[in-house]
Amino acid sequence: MTNIDYRPLDAYLRRWLRTQPYGWHLQGADAIATEFIQDVAFANIRLAAWLERPDVQVITKIVEGVLPYPERNAVAALTQAIMISARRRTANQVAAGLGIGVLVALAIYLFGQG
C-alpha cells in the first residue's frame, strides 16, 4: 500500500457492515455502490486522487481485512461496490466541473453581447 491513510475507509466499512443484514452482499455491487454514494459518511472519506484511480488490489486487501474468512462472494461484492462508487464520484465531480465551465462561458458570452 502507498502512503495514503486507508484507516477511514476501513473504519467506515466496519461500521457499515455492523448495520447490514445477513446476506447483504446478495443485493449486488451496484446497489451497494448506490448506497455508498448516498451516504454522507462515505462521501466524507478523503482519499483524494486515490478515489479517482482506485487500485483494486488495495481495495481487496482492505475488504479482506474487514470481512471474516472465507466470505469470498462478499469480498467481491464489496470490492466492486467501492470501485463503482469511486468511478461514480469521479464522474459526478467531472460533470459538476463541466457544468460550472459552461455557466461561466455563457455568462462571459452574454455580458460580451451587452
PDB file of N, CA and C in Angstrom:
ATOM      1  N   MET A   1       0.841  -1.185   0.000  1.00  0.00           N
ATOM      2  CA  MET A   1       0.000   0.000   0.000  1.00  0.00           C
ATOM      3  C   MET A   1       0.881   1.240   0.000  1.00  0.00           C
ATOM      4  N   THR A   2       0.313   2.328  -0.460  1.00  0.00           N
ATOM      5  CA  THR A   2       1.061   3.572  -0.560  1.00  0.00           C
ATOM      6  C   THR A   2       0.965   4.356   0.742  1.00  0.00           C
ATOM      7  N   ASN A   3       1.395   5.607   0.706  1.00  0.00           N
ATOM      8  CA  ASN A   3       1.370   6.429   1.908  1.00  0.00           C
ATOM      9  C   ASN A   3      -0.002   7.052   2.177  1.00  0.00           C
ATOM     10  N   ILE A   4      -1.026   6.638   1.464  1.00  0.00           N
ATOM     11  CA  ILE A   4      -2.388   7.114   1.696  1.00  0.00           C
ATOM     12  C   ILE A   4      -2.924   6.447   2.963  1.00  0.00           C
ATOM     13  N   ASP A   5      -3.645   7.211   3.775  1.00  0.00           N
ATOM     14  CA  ASP A   5      -4.219   6.684   5.009  1.00  0.00           C
ATOM     15  C   ASP A   5      -5.564   6.024   4.690  1.00  0.00           C
ATOM     16  N   TYR A   6      -5.582   4.713   4.730  1.00  0.00           N
ATOM     17  CA  TYR A   6      -6.782   3.958   4.412  1.00  0.00           C
ATOM     18  C   TYR A   6      -7.646   3.671   5.639  1.00  0.00           C
ATOM     19  N   ARG A   7      -7.210   4.124   6.796  1.00  0.00           N
ATOM     20  CA  ARG A   7      -7.957   3.843   8.019  1.00  0.00           C
ATOM     21  C   ARG A   7      -9.394   4.364   7.979  1.00  0.00           C
ATOM     22  N   PRO A   8      -9.655   5.548   7.409  1.00  0.00           N
ATOM     23  CA  PRO A   8     -11.054   5.991   7.351  1.00  0.00           C
ATOM     24  C   PRO A   8     -11.947   5.040   6.541  1.00  0.00           C
ATOM     25  N   LEU A   9     -11.426   4.502   5.446  1.00  0.00           N
ATOM     26  CA  LEU A   9     -12.201   3.547   4.649  1.00  0.00           C
ATOM     27  C   LEU A   9     -12.421   2.262   5.442  1.00  0.00           C
ATOM     28  N   ASP A  10     -11.392   1.783   6.098  1.00  0.00           N
ATOM     29  CA  ASP A  10     -11.500   0.583   6.922  1.00  0.00           C
ATOM     30  C   ASP A  10     -12.544   0.784   8.019  1.00  0.00           C
ATOM     31  N   ALA A  11     -12.485   1.907   8.715  1.00  0.00           N
ATOM     32  CA  ALA A  11     -13.432   2.193   9.797  1.00  0.00           C
ATOM     33  C   ALA A  11     -14.854   2.322   9.257  1.00  0.00           C
ATOM     34  N   TYR A  12     -14.995   2.993   8.122  1.00  0.00           N
ATOM     35  CA  TYR A  12     -16.316   3.133   7.511  1.00  0.00           C
ATOM     36  C   TYR A  12     -16.896   1.759   7.189  1.00  0.00           C
ATOM     37  N   LEU A  13     -16.113   0.891   6.541  1.00  0.00           N
ATOM     38  CA  LEU A  13     -16.607  -0.432   6.153  1.00  0.00           C
ATOM     39  C   LEU A  13     -16.988  -1.266   7.376  1.00  0.00           C
ATOM     40  N   ARG A  14     -16.214  -1.169   8.434  1.00  0.00           N
ATOM     41  CA  ARG A  14     -16.538  -1.919   9.655  1.00  0.00           C
ATOM     42  C   ARG A  14     -17.865  -1.440  10.254  1.00  0.00           C
ATOM     43  N   ARG A  15     -18.066  -0.114  10.299  1.00  0.00           N
ATOM     44  CA  ARG A  15     -19.338   0.421  10.808  1.00  0.00           C
ATOM     45  C   ARG A  15     -20.493   0.015   9.900  1.00  0.00           C
ATOM     46  N   TRP A  16     -20.283   0.134   8.595  1.00  0.00           N
ATOM     47  CA  TRP A  16     -21.324  -0.188   7.629  1.00  0.00           C
ATOM     48  C   TRP A  16     -21.731  -1.660   7.744  1.00  0.00           C
ATOM     49  N   LEU A  17     -20.755  -2.548   7.854  1.00  0.00           N
ATOM     50  CA  LEU A  17     -21.044  -3.983   7.933  1.00  0.00           C
ATOM     51  C   LEU A  17     -21.865  -4.336   9.171  1.00  0.00           C
ATOM     52  N   ARG A  18     -21.630  -3.629  10.276  1.00  0.00           N
ATOM     53  CA  ARG A  18     -22.383  -3.916  11.507  1.00  0.00           C
ATOM     54  C   ARG A  18     -23.874  -3.621  11.341  1.00  0.00           C
ATOM     55  N   THR A  19     -24.234  -2.772  10.396  1.00  0.00           N
ATOM     56  CA  THR A  19     -25.638  -2.403  10.205  1.00  0.00           C
ATOM     57  C   THR A  19     -26.328  -3.215   9.113  1.00  0.00           C
ATOM     58  N   GLN A  20     -25.602  -4.108   8.482  1.00  0.00           N
ATOM     59  CA  GLN A  20     -26.156  -4.859   7.352  1.00  0.00           C
ATOM     60  C   GLN A  20     -26.755  -6.193   7.788  1.00  0.00           C
ATOM     61  N   PRO A  21     -27.871  -6.568   7.144  1.00  0.00           N
ATOM     62  CA  PRO A  21     -28.481  -7.858   7.467  1.00  0.00           C
ATOM     63  C   PRO A  21     -27.701  -9.019   6.862  1.00  0.00           C
ATOM     64  N   TYR A  22     -27.991 -10.213   7.323  1.00  0.00           N
ATOM     65  CA  TYR A  22     -27.379 -11.415   6.765  1.00  0.00           C
ATOM     66  C   TYR A  22     -27.683 -11.470   5.266  1.00  0.00           C
ATOM     67  N   GLY A  23     -26.696 -11.786   4.467  1.00  0.00           N
ATOM     68  CA  GLY A  23     -26.873 -11.893   3.021  1.00  0.00           C
ATOM     69  C   GLY A  23     -26.844 -10.555   2.298  1.00  0.00           C
ATOM     70  N   TRP A  24     -26.322  -9.542   2.955  1.00  0.00           N
ATOM     71  CA  TRP A  24     -26.295  -8.189   2.368  1.00  0.00           C
ATOM     72  C   TRP A  24     -25.628  -8.165   1.006  1.00  0.00           C
ATOM     73  N   HIS A  25     -24.627  -9.004   0.809  1.00  0.00           N
ATOM     74  CA  HIS A  25     -23.867  -8.987  -0.442  1.00  0.00           C
ATOM     75  C   HIS A  25     -24.682  -9.485  -1.634  1.00  0.00           C
ATOM     76  N   LEU A  26     -25.806 -10.142  -1.374  1.00  0.00           N
ATOM     77  CA  LEU A  26     -26.635 -10.671  -2.456  1.00  0.00           C
ATOM     78  C   LEU A  26     -27.365  -9.576  -3.231  1.00  0.00           C
ATOM     79  N   GLN A  27     -27.442  -8.381  -2.661  1.00  0.00           N
ATOM     80  CA  GLN A  27     -28.085  -7.279  -3.381  1.00  0.00           C
ATOM     81  C   GLN A  27     -27.238  -6.791  -4.549  1.00  0.00           C
ATOM     82  N   GLY A  28     -25.964  -7.141  -4.573  1.00  0.00           N
ATOM     83  CA  GLY A  28     -25.093  -6.813  -5.697  1.00  0.00           C
ATOM     84  C   GLY A  28     -24.300  -5.538  -5.490  1.00  0.00           C
ATOM     85  N   ALA A  29     -23.199  -5.467  -6.212  1.00  0.00           N
ATOM     86  CA  ALA A  29     -22.261  -4.355  -6.065  1.00  0.00           C
ATOM     87  C   ALA A  29     -22.877  -3.024  -6.473  1.00  0.00           C
ATOM     88  N   ASP A  30     -23.705  -3.007  -7.511  1.00  0.00           N
ATOM     89  CA  ASP A  30     -24.274  -1.742  -7.972  1.00  0.00           C
ATOM     90  C   ASP A  30     -25.198  -1.131  -6.920  1.00  0.00           C
ATOM     91  N   ALA A  31     -26.019  -1.949  -6.281  1.00  0.00           N
ATOM     92  CA  ALA A  31     -26.911  -1.462  -5.229  1.00  0.00           C
ATOM     93  C   ALA A  31     -26.115  -0.974  -4.015  1.00  0.00           C
ATOM     94  N   ILE A  32     -25.066  -1.703  -3.672  1.00  0.00           N
ATOM     95  CA  ILE A  32     -24.215  -1.287  -2.552  1.00  0.00           C
ATOM     96  C   ILE A  32     -23.512   0.023  -2.887  1.00  0.00           C
ATOM     97  N   ALA A  33     -23.020   0.141  -4.111  1.00  0.00           N
ATOM     98  CA  ALA A  33     -22.351   1.381  -4.535  1.00  0.00           C
ATOM     99  C   ALA A  33     -23.306   2.558  -4.459  1.00  0.00           C
ATOM    100  N   THR A  34     -24.546   2.355  -4.866  1.00  0.00           N
ATOM    101  CA  THR A  34     -25.548   3.430  -4.787  1.00  0.00           C
ATOM    102  C   THR A  34     -25.749   3.855  -3.344  1.00  0.00           C
ATOM    103  N   GLU A  35     -25.781   2.887  -2.440  1.00  0.00           N
ATOM    104  CA  GLU A  35     -25.912   3.211  -1.022  1.00  0.00           C
ATOM    105  C   GLU A  35     -24.701   4.007  -0.530  1.00  0.00           C
ATOM    106  N   PHE A  36     -23.503   3.600  -0.949  1.00  0.00           N
ATOM    107  CA  PHE A  36     -22.295   4.331  -0.562  1.00  0.00           C
ATOM    108  C   PHE A  36     -22.343   5.776  -1.061  1.00  0.00           C
ATOM    109  N   ILE A  37     -22.712   5.952  -2.322  1.00  0.00           N
ATOM    110  CA  ILE A  37     -22.743   7.294  -2.918  1.00  0.00           C
ATOM    111  C   ILE A  37     -23.709   8.206  -2.169  1.00  0.00           C
ATOM    112  N   GLN A  38     -24.809   7.639  -1.675  1.00  0.00           N
ATOM    113  CA  GLN A  38     -25.815   8.432  -0.967  1.00  0.00           C
ATOM    114  C   GLN A  38     -25.475   8.643   0.504  1.00  0.00           C
ATOM    115  N   ASP A  39     -24.447   8.002   0.999  1.00  0.00           N
ATOM    116  CA  ASP A  39     -24.069   8.071   2.409  1.00  0.00           C
ATOM    117  C   ASP A  39     -23.045   9.187   2.618  1.00  0.00           C
ATOM    118  N   VAL A  40     -23.418  10.166   3.410  1.00  0.00           N
ATOM    119  CA  VAL A  40     -22.541  11.303   3.684  1.00  0.00           C
ATOM    120  C   VAL A  40     -21.226  10.850   4.311  1.00  0.00           C
ATOM    121  N   ALA A  41     -21.284   9.846   5.169  1.00  0.00           N
ATOM    122  CA  ALA A  41     -20.063   9.356   5.824  1.00  0.00           C
ATOM    123  C   ALA A  41     -19.077   8.808   4.794  1.00  0.00           C
ATOM    124  N   PHE A  42     -19.572   8.128   3.770  1.00  0.00           N
ATOM    125  CA  PHE A  42     -18.687   7.628   2.720  1.00  0.00           C
ATOM    126  C   PHE A  42     -18.141   8.800   1.900  1.00  0.00           C
ATOM    127  N   ALA A  43     -18.988   9.757   1.609  1.00  0.00           N
ATOM    128  CA  ALA A  43     -18.561  10.921   0.829  1.00  0.00           C
ATOM    129  C   ALA A  43     -17.486  11.716   1.552  1.00  0.00           C
ATOM    130  N   ASN A  44     -17.486  11.668   2.879  1.00  0.00           N
ATOM    131  CA  ASN A  44     -16.511  12.427   3.667  1.00  0.00           C
ATOM    132  C   ASN A  44     -15.145  11.758   3.770  1.00  0.00           C
ATOM    133  N   ILE A  45     -15.036  10.531   3.283  1.00  0.00           N
ATOM    134  CA  ILE A  45     -13.735   9.862   3.309  1.00  0.00           C
ATOM    135  C   ILE A  45     -12.831  10.575   2.319  1.00  0.00           C
ATOM    136  N   ARG A  46     -11.756  11.109   2.806  1.00  0.00           N
ATOM    137  CA  ARG A  46     -10.846  11.910   1.981  1.00  0.00           C
ATOM    138  C   ARG A  46      -9.683  11.062   1.490  1.00  0.00           C
ATOM    139  N   LEU A  47      -9.886  10.425   0.366  1.00  0.00           N
ATOM    140  CA  LEU A  47      -8.807   9.641  -0.215  1.00  0.00           C
ATOM    141  C   LEU A  47      -8.310  10.308  -1.491  1.00  0.00           C
ATOM    142  N   ALA A  48      -8.804  11.504  -1.732  1.00  0.00           N
ATOM    143  CA  ALA A  48      -8.339  12.379  -2.802  1.00  0.00           C
ATOM    144  C   ALA A  48      -8.143  11.660  -4.132  1.00  0.00           C
ATOM    145  N   ALA A  49      -6.964  11.775  -4.691  1.00  0.00           N
ATOM    146  CA  ALA A  49      -6.692  11.232  -6.025  1.00  0.00           C
ATOM    147  C   ALA A  49      -6.833   9.718  -6.063  1.00  0.00           C
ATOM    148  N   TRP A  50      -6.668   9.067  -4.924  1.00  0.00           N
ATOM    149  CA  TRP A  50      -6.782   7.609  -4.915  1.00  0.00           C
ATOM    150  C   TRP A  50      -8.164   7.170  -5.384  1.00  0.00           C
ATOM    151  N   LEU A  51      -9.217   7.888  -4.996  1.00  0.00           N
ATOM    152  CA  LEU A  51     -10.555   7.506  -5.421  1.00  0.00           C
ATOM    153  C   LEU A  51     -10.795   7.800  -6.897  1.00  0.00           C
ATOM    154  N   GLU A  52      -9.985   8.649  -7.485  1.00  0.00           N
ATOM    155  CA  GLU A  52     -10.110   8.893  -8.921  1.00  0.00           C
ATOM    156  C   GLU A  52      -9.569   7.703  -9.708  1.00  0.00           C
ATOM    157  N   ARG A  53      -8.568   7.025  -9.168  1.00  0.00           N
ATOM    158  CA  ARG A  53      -7.967   5.855  -9.824  1.00  0.00           C
ATOM    159  C   ARG A  53      -7.736   4.769  -8.774  1.00  0.00           C
ATOM    160  N   PRO A  54      -8.834   4.198  -8.257  1.00  0.00           N
ATOM    161  CA  PRO A  54      -8.663   3.218  -7.185  1.00  0.00           C
ATOM    162  C   PRO A  54      -7.955   1.967  -7.671  1.00  0.00           C
ATOM    163  N   ASP A  55      -7.153   1.414  -6.814  1.00  0.00           N
ATOM    164  CA  ASP A  55      -6.400   0.202  -7.096  1.00  0.00           C
ATOM    165  C   ASP A  55      -7.179  -0.983  -6.539  1.00  0.00           C
ATOM    166  N   VAL A  56      -7.653  -1.847  -7.418  1.00  0.00           N
ATOM    167  CA  VAL A  56      -8.500  -2.959  -6.996  1.00  0.00           C
ATOM    168  C   VAL A  56      -7.771  -3.870  -6.012  1.00  0.00           C
ATOM    169  N   GLN A  57      -6.474  -4.026  -6.129  1.00  0.00           N
ATOM    170  CA  GLN A  57      -5.728  -4.878  -5.199  1.00  0.00           C
ATOM    171  C   GLN A  57      -5.707  -4.282  -3.802  1.00  0.00           C
ATOM    172  N   VAL A  58      -5.562  -2.964  -3.715  1.00  0.00           N
ATOM    173  CA  VAL A  58      -5.564  -2.298  -2.413  1.00  0.00           C
ATOM    174  C   VAL A  58      -6.949  -2.399  -1.789  1.00  0.00           C
ATOM    175  N   ILE A  59      -7.985  -2.145  -2.592  1.00  0.00           N
ATOM    176  CA  ILE A  59      -9.351  -2.233  -2.075  1.00  0.00           C
ATOM    177  C   ILE A  59      -9.643  -3.652  -1.591  1.00  0.00           C
ATOM    178  N   THR A  60      -9.255  -4.641  -2.377  1.00  0.00           N
ATOM    179  CA  THR A  60      -9.484  -6.034  -1.997  1.00  0.00           C
ATOM    180  C   THR A  60      -8.796  -6.362  -0.677  1.00  0.00           C
ATOM    181  N   LYS A  61      -7.585  -5.884  -0.499  1.00  0.00           N
ATOM    182  CA  LYS A  61      -6.847  -6.137   0.743  1.00  0.00           C
ATOM    183  C   LYS A  61      -7.572  -5.514   1.943  1.00  0.00           C
ATOM    184  N   ILE A  62      -8.073  -4.293   1.770  1.00  0.00           N
ATOM    185  CA  ILE A  62      -8.822  -3.630   2.847  1.00  0.00           C
ATOM    186  C   ILE A  62     -10.090  -4.419   3.159  1.00  0.00           C
ATOM    187  N   VAL A  63     -10.821  -4.796   2.119  1.00  0.00           N
ATOM    188  CA  VAL A  63     -12.077  -5.525   2.302  1.00  0.00           C
ATOM    189  C   VAL A  63     -11.829  -6.879   2.962  1.00  0.00           C
ATOM    190  N   GLU A  64     -10.794  -7.584   2.551  1.00  0.00           N
ATOM    191  CA  GLU A  64     -10.478  -8.875   3.168  1.00  0.00           C
ATOM    192  C   GLU A  64     -10.138  -8.723   4.649  1.00  0.00           C
ATOM    193  N   GLY A  65      -9.558  -7.580   5.011  1.00  0.00           N
ATOM    194  CA  GLY A  65      -9.249  -7.327   6.410  1.00  0.00           C
ATOM    195  C   GLY A  65     -10.474  -7.035   7.247  1.00  0.00           C
ATOM    196  N   VAL A  66     -11.539  -6.582   6.602  1.00  0.00           N
ATOM    197  CA  VAL A  66     -12.769  -6.225   7.298  1.00  0.00           C
ATOM    198  C   VAL A  66     -13.718  -7.417   7.414  1.00  0.00           C
ATOM    199  N   LEU A  67     -13.749  -8.252   6.385  1.00  0.00           N
ATOM    200  CA  LEU A  67     -14.684  -9.382   6.359  1.00  0.00           C
ATOM    201  C   LEU A  67     -14.050 -10.653   6.920  1.00  0.00           C
ATOM    202  N   PRO A  68     -14.854 -11.464   7.596  1.00  0.00           N
ATOM    203  CA  PRO A  68     -14.321 -12.735   8.086  1.00  0.00           C
ATOM    204  C   PRO A  68     -14.091 -13.714   6.934  1.00  0.00           C
ATOM    205  N   TYR A  69     -13.047 -14.491   7.040  1.00  0.00           N
ATOM    206  CA  TYR A  69     -12.762 -15.523   6.045  1.00  0.00           C
ATOM    207  C   TYR A  69     -13.823 -16.602   6.191  1.00  0.00           C
ATOM    208  N   PRO A  70     -14.306 -17.222   5.187  1.00  0.00           N
ATOM    209  CA  PRO A  70     -13.997 -17.160   3.755  1.00  0.00           C
ATOM    210  C   PRO A  70     -15.097 -16.474   2.948  1.00  0.00           C
ATOM    211  N   GLU A  71     -15.494 -15.328   3.291  1.00  0.00           N
ATOM    212  CA  GLU A  71     -16.581 -14.600   2.629  1.00  0.00           C
ATOM    213  C   GLU A  71     -16.182 -14.067   1.259  1.00  0.00           C
ATOM    214  N   ARG A  72     -15.744 -14.926   0.366  1.00  0.00           N
ATOM    215  CA  ARG A  72     -15.246 -14.504  -0.956  1.00  0.00           C
ATOM    216  C   ARG A  72     -16.309 -13.796  -1.791  1.00  0.00           C
ATOM    217  N   ASN A  73     -17.562 -14.272  -1.751  1.00  0.00           N
ATOM    218  CA  ASN A  73     -18.612 -13.593  -2.517  1.00  0.00           C
ATOM    219  C   ASN A  73     -18.839 -12.181  -1.981  1.00  0.00           C
ATOM    220  N   ALA A  74     -18.781 -12.057  -0.672  1.00  0.00           N
ATOM    221  CA  ALA A  74     -18.949 -10.748  -0.055  1.00  0.00           C
ATOM    222  C   ALA A  74     -17.764  -9.846  -0.380  1.00  0.00           C
ATOM    223  N   VAL A  75     -16.562 -10.407  -0.390  1.00  0.00           N
ATOM    224  CA  VAL A  75     -15.369  -9.626  -0.737  1.00  0.00           C
ATOM    225  C   VAL A  75     -15.507  -9.081  -2.148  1.00  0.00           C
ATOM    226  N   ALA A  76     -15.927  -9.927  -3.077  1.00  0.00           N
ATOM    227  CA  ALA A  76     -16.084  -9.484  -4.468  1.00  0.00           C
ATOM    228  C   ALA A  76     -17.142  -8.397  -4.579  1.00  0.00           C
ATOM    229  N   ALA A  77     -18.281  -8.574  -3.919  1.00  0.00           N
ATOM    230  CA  ALA A  77     -19.362  -7.582  -3.998  1.00  0.00           C
ATOM    231  C   ALA A  77     -18.929  -6.250  -3.400  1.00  0.00           C
ATOM    232  N   LEU A  78     -18.282  -6.290  -2.243  1.00  0.00           N
ATOM    233  CA  LEU A  78     -17.874  -5.056  -1.581  1.00  0.00           C
ATOM    234  C   LEU A  78     -16.752  -4.353  -2.341  1.00  0.00           C
ATOM    235  N   THR A  79     -15.804  -5.104  -2.862  1.00  0.00           N
ATOM    236  CA  THR A  79     -14.721  -4.521  -3.659  1.00  0.00           C
ATOM    237  C   THR A  79     -15.283  -3.842  -4.902  1.00  0.00           C
ATOM    238  N   GLN A  80     -16.183  -4.527  -5.604  1.00  0.00           N
ATOM    239  CA  GLN A  80     -16.789  -3.945  -6.796  1.00  0.00           C
ATOM    240  C   GLN A  80     -17.610  -2.706  -6.449  1.00  0.00           C
ATOM    241  N   ALA A  81     -18.316  -2.750  -5.323  1.00  0.00           N
ATOM    242  CA  ALA A  81     -19.128  -1.605  -4.912  1.00  0.00           C
ATOM    243  C   ALA A  81     -18.261  -0.370  -4.675  1.00  0.00           C
ATOM    244  N   ILE A  82     -17.118  -0.558  -4.041  1.00  0.00           N
ATOM    245  CA  ILE A  82     -16.217   0.577  -3.802  1.00  0.00           C
ATOM    246  C   ILE A  82     -15.681   1.111  -5.130  1.00  0.00           C
ATOM    247  N   MET A  83     -15.317   0.217  -6.034  1.00  0.00           N
ATOM    248  CA  MET A  83     -14.824   0.640  -7.353  1.00  0.00           C
ATOM    249  C   MET A  83     -15.902   1.419  -8.118  1.00  0.00           C
ATOM    250  N   ILE A  84     -17.124   0.908  -8.105  1.00  0.00           N
ATOM    251  CA  ILE A  84     -18.232   1.577  -8.802  1.00  0.00           C
ATOM    252  C   ILE A  84     -18.497   2.945  -8.197  1.00  0.00           C
ATOM    253  N   SER A  85     -18.569   3.013  -6.860  1.00  0.00           N
ATOM    254  CA  SER A  85     -18.855   4.300  -6.216  1.00  0.00           C
ATOM    255  C   SER A  85     -17.732   5.300  -6.454  1.00  0.00           C
ATOM    256  N   ALA A  86     -16.488   4.831  -6.508  1.00  0.00           N
ATOM    257  CA  ALA A  86     -15.364   5.729  -6.795  1.00  0.00           C
ATOM    258  C   ALA A  86     -15.473   6.279  -8.209  1.00  0.00           C
ATOM    259  N   ARG A  87     -15.821   5.413  -9.164  1.00  0.00           N
ATOM    260  CA  ARG A  87     -15.995   5.890 -10.547  1.00  0.00           C
ATOM    261  C   ARG A  87     -17.144   6.870 -10.644  1.00  0.00           C
ATOM    262  N   ARG A  88     -18.252   6.576  -9.947  1.00  0.00           N
ATOM    263  CA  ARG A  88     -19.403   7.488  -9.972  1.00  0.00           C
ATOM    264  C   ARG A  88     -19.045   8.828  -9.349  1.00  0.00           C
ATOM    265  N   ARG A  89     -18.320   8.795  -8.239  1.00  0.00           N
ATOM    266  CA  ARG A  89     -17.932  10.043  -7.581  1.00  0.00           C
ATOM    267  C   ARG A  89     -17.074  10.885  -8.520  1.00  0.00           C
ATOM    268  N   THR A  90     -16.121  10.250  -9.183  1.00  0.00           N
ATOM    269  CA  THR A  90     -15.260  10.958 -10.124  1.00  0.00           C
ATOM    270  C   THR A  90     -16.077  11.513 -11.281  1.00  0.00           C
ATOM    271  N   ALA A  91     -16.998  10.719 -11.812  1.00  0.00           N
ATOM    272  CA  ALA A  91     -17.843  11.177 -12.917  1.00  0.00           C
ATOM    273  C   ALA A  91     -18.705  12.356 -12.486  1.00  0.00           C
ATOM    274  N   ASN A  92     -19.238  12.310 -11.268  1.00  0.00           N
ATOM    275  CA  ASN A  92     -20.047  13.424 -10.757  1.00  0.00           C
ATOM    276  C   ASN A  92     -19.207  14.682 -10.598  1.00  0.00           C
ATOM    277  N   GLN A  93     -17.962  14.536 -10.152  1.00  0.00           N
ATOM    278  CA  GLN A  93     -17.084  15.689  -9.990  1.00  0.00           C
ATOM    279  C   GLN A  93     -16.746  16.295 -11.346  1.00  0.00           C
ATOM    280  N   VAL A  94     -16.501  15.451 -12.341  1.00  0.00           N
ATOM    281  CA  VAL A  94     -16.200  15.939 -13.689  1.00  0.00           C
ATOM    282  C   VAL A  94     -17.418  16.653 -14.256  1.00  0.00           C
ATOM    283  N   ALA A  95     -18.604  16.064 -14.087  1.00  0.00           N
ATOM    284  CA  ALA A  95     -19.829  16.676 -14.603  1.00  0.00           C
ATOM    285  C   ALA A  95     -20.079  18.028 -13.937  1.00  0.00           C
ATOM    286  N   ALA A  96     -19.852  18.103 -12.641  1.00  0.00           N
ATOM    287  CA  ALA A  96     -20.043  19.379 -11.935  1.00  0.00           C
ATOM    288  C   ALA A  96     -19.061  20.426 -12.452  1.00  0.00           C
ATOM    289  N   GLY A  97     -17.828  20.022 -12.677  1.00  0.00           N
ATOM    290  CA  GLY A  97     -16.824  20.945 -13.202  1.00  0.00           C
ATOM    291  C   GLY A  97     -17.185  21.434 -14.595  1.00  0.00           C
ATOM    292  N   LEU A  98     -17.669  20.532 -15.426  1.00  0.00           N
ATOM    293  CA  LEU A  98     -18.085  20.920 -16.773  1.00  0.00           C
ATOM    294  C   LEU A  98     -19.276  21.864 -16.722  1.00  0.00           C
ATOM    295  N   GLY A  99     -20.210  21.583 -15.822  1.00  0.00           N
ATOM    296  CA  GLY A  99     -21.388  22.444 -15.682  1.00  0.00           C
ATOM    297  C   GLY A  99     -21.004  23.853 -15.284  1.00  0.00           C
ATOM    298  N   ILE A 100     -20.096  23.995 -14.370  1.00  0.00           N
ATOM    299  CA  ILE A 100     -19.621  25.317 -13.946  1.00  0.00           C
ATOM    300  C   ILE A 100     -18.927  26.004 -15.107  1.00  0.00           C
ATOM    301  N   GLY A 101     -18.115  25.264 -15.853  1.00  0.00           N
ATOM    302  CA  GLY A 101     -17.423  25.830 -17.011  1.00  0.00           C
ATOM    303  C   GLY A 101     -18.395  26.346 -18.054  1.00  0.00           C
ATOM    304  N   VAL A 102     -19.462  25.615 -18.307  1.00  0.00           N
ATOM    305  CA  VAL A 102     -20.468  26.042 -19.284  1.00  0.00           C
ATOM    306  C   VAL A 102     -21.159  27.308 -18.804  1.00  0.00           C
ATOM    307  N   LEU A 103     -21.488  27.375 -17.520  1.00  0.00           N
ATOM    308  CA  LEU A 103     -22.141  28.568 -16.977  1.00  0.00           C
ATOM    309  C   LEU A 103     -21.231  29.790 -17.072  1.00  0.00           C
ATOM    310  N   VAL A 104     -19.960  29.618 -16.775  1.00  0.00           N
ATOM    311  CA  VAL A 104     -19.010  30.732 -16.882  1.00  0.00           C
ATOM    312  C   VAL A 104     -18.896  31.186 -18.326  1.00  0.00           C
ATOM    313  N   ALA A 105     -18.789  30.258 -19.244  1.00  0.00           N
ATOM    314  CA  ALA A 105     -18.687  30.608 -20.665  1.00  0.00           C
ATOM    315  C   ALA A 105     -19.946  31.329 -21.128  1.00  0.00           C
ATOM    316  N   LEU A 106     -21.117  30.864 -20.678  1.00  0.00           N
ATOM    317  CA  LEU A 106     -22.373  31.505 -21.046  1.00  0.00           C
ATOM    318  C   LEU A 106     -22.439  32.916 -20.479  1.00  0.00           C
ATOM    319  N   ALA A 107     -22.024  33.095 -19.242  1.00  0.00           N
ATOM    320  CA  ALA A 107     -22.021  34.419 -18.635  1.00  0.00           C
ATOM    321  C   ALA A 107     -21.084  35.369 -19.382  1.00  0.00           C
ATOM    322  N   ILE A 108     -19.909  34.901 -19.733  1.00  0.00           N
ATOM    323  CA  ILE A 108     -18.957  35.714 -20.487  1.00  0.00           C
ATOM    324  C   ILE A 108     -19.556  36.105 -21.835  1.00  0.00           C
ATOM    325  N   TYR A 109     -20.186  35.149 -22.496  1.00  0.00           N
ATOM    326  CA  TYR A 109     -20.794  35.423 -23.797  1.00  0.00           C
ATOM    327  C   TYR A 109     -21.914  36.443 -23.675  1.00  0.00           C
ATOM    328  N   LEU A 110     -22.808  36.271 -22.680  1.00  0.00           N
ATOM    329  CA  LEU A 110     -23.928  37.165 -22.520  1.00  0.00           C
ATOM    330  C   LEU A 110     -23.495  38.575 -22.140  1.00  0.00           C
ATOM    331  N   PHE A 111     -22.500  38.684 -21.256  1.00  0.00           N
ATOM    332  CA  PHE A 111     -22.019  40.002 -20.877  1.00  0.00           C
ATOM    333  C   PHE A 111     -21.263  40.663 -22.011  1.00  0.00           C
ATOM    334  N   GLY A 112     -20.642  39.870 -22.866  1.00  0.00           N
ATOM    335  CA  GLY A 112     -19.924  40.393 -24.008  1.00  0.00           C
ATOM    336  C   GLY A 112     -20.861  40.912 -25.081  1.00  0.00           C
ATOM    337  N   GLN A 113     -22.097  40.453 -25.110  1.00  0.00           N
ATOM    338  CA  GLN A 113     -23.083  40.865 -26.106  1.00  0.00           C
ATOM    339  C   GLN A 113     -23.686  42.229 -25.758  1.00  0.00           C
ATOM    340  N   GLY A 114     -23.612  42.594 -24.474  1.00  0.00           N
ATOM    341  CA  GLY A 114     -24.262  43.818 -23.997  1.00  0.00           C
ATOM    342  C   GLY A 114     -23.464  44.991 -24.245  1.00  0.00           C
TER     343      GLY A 114
END
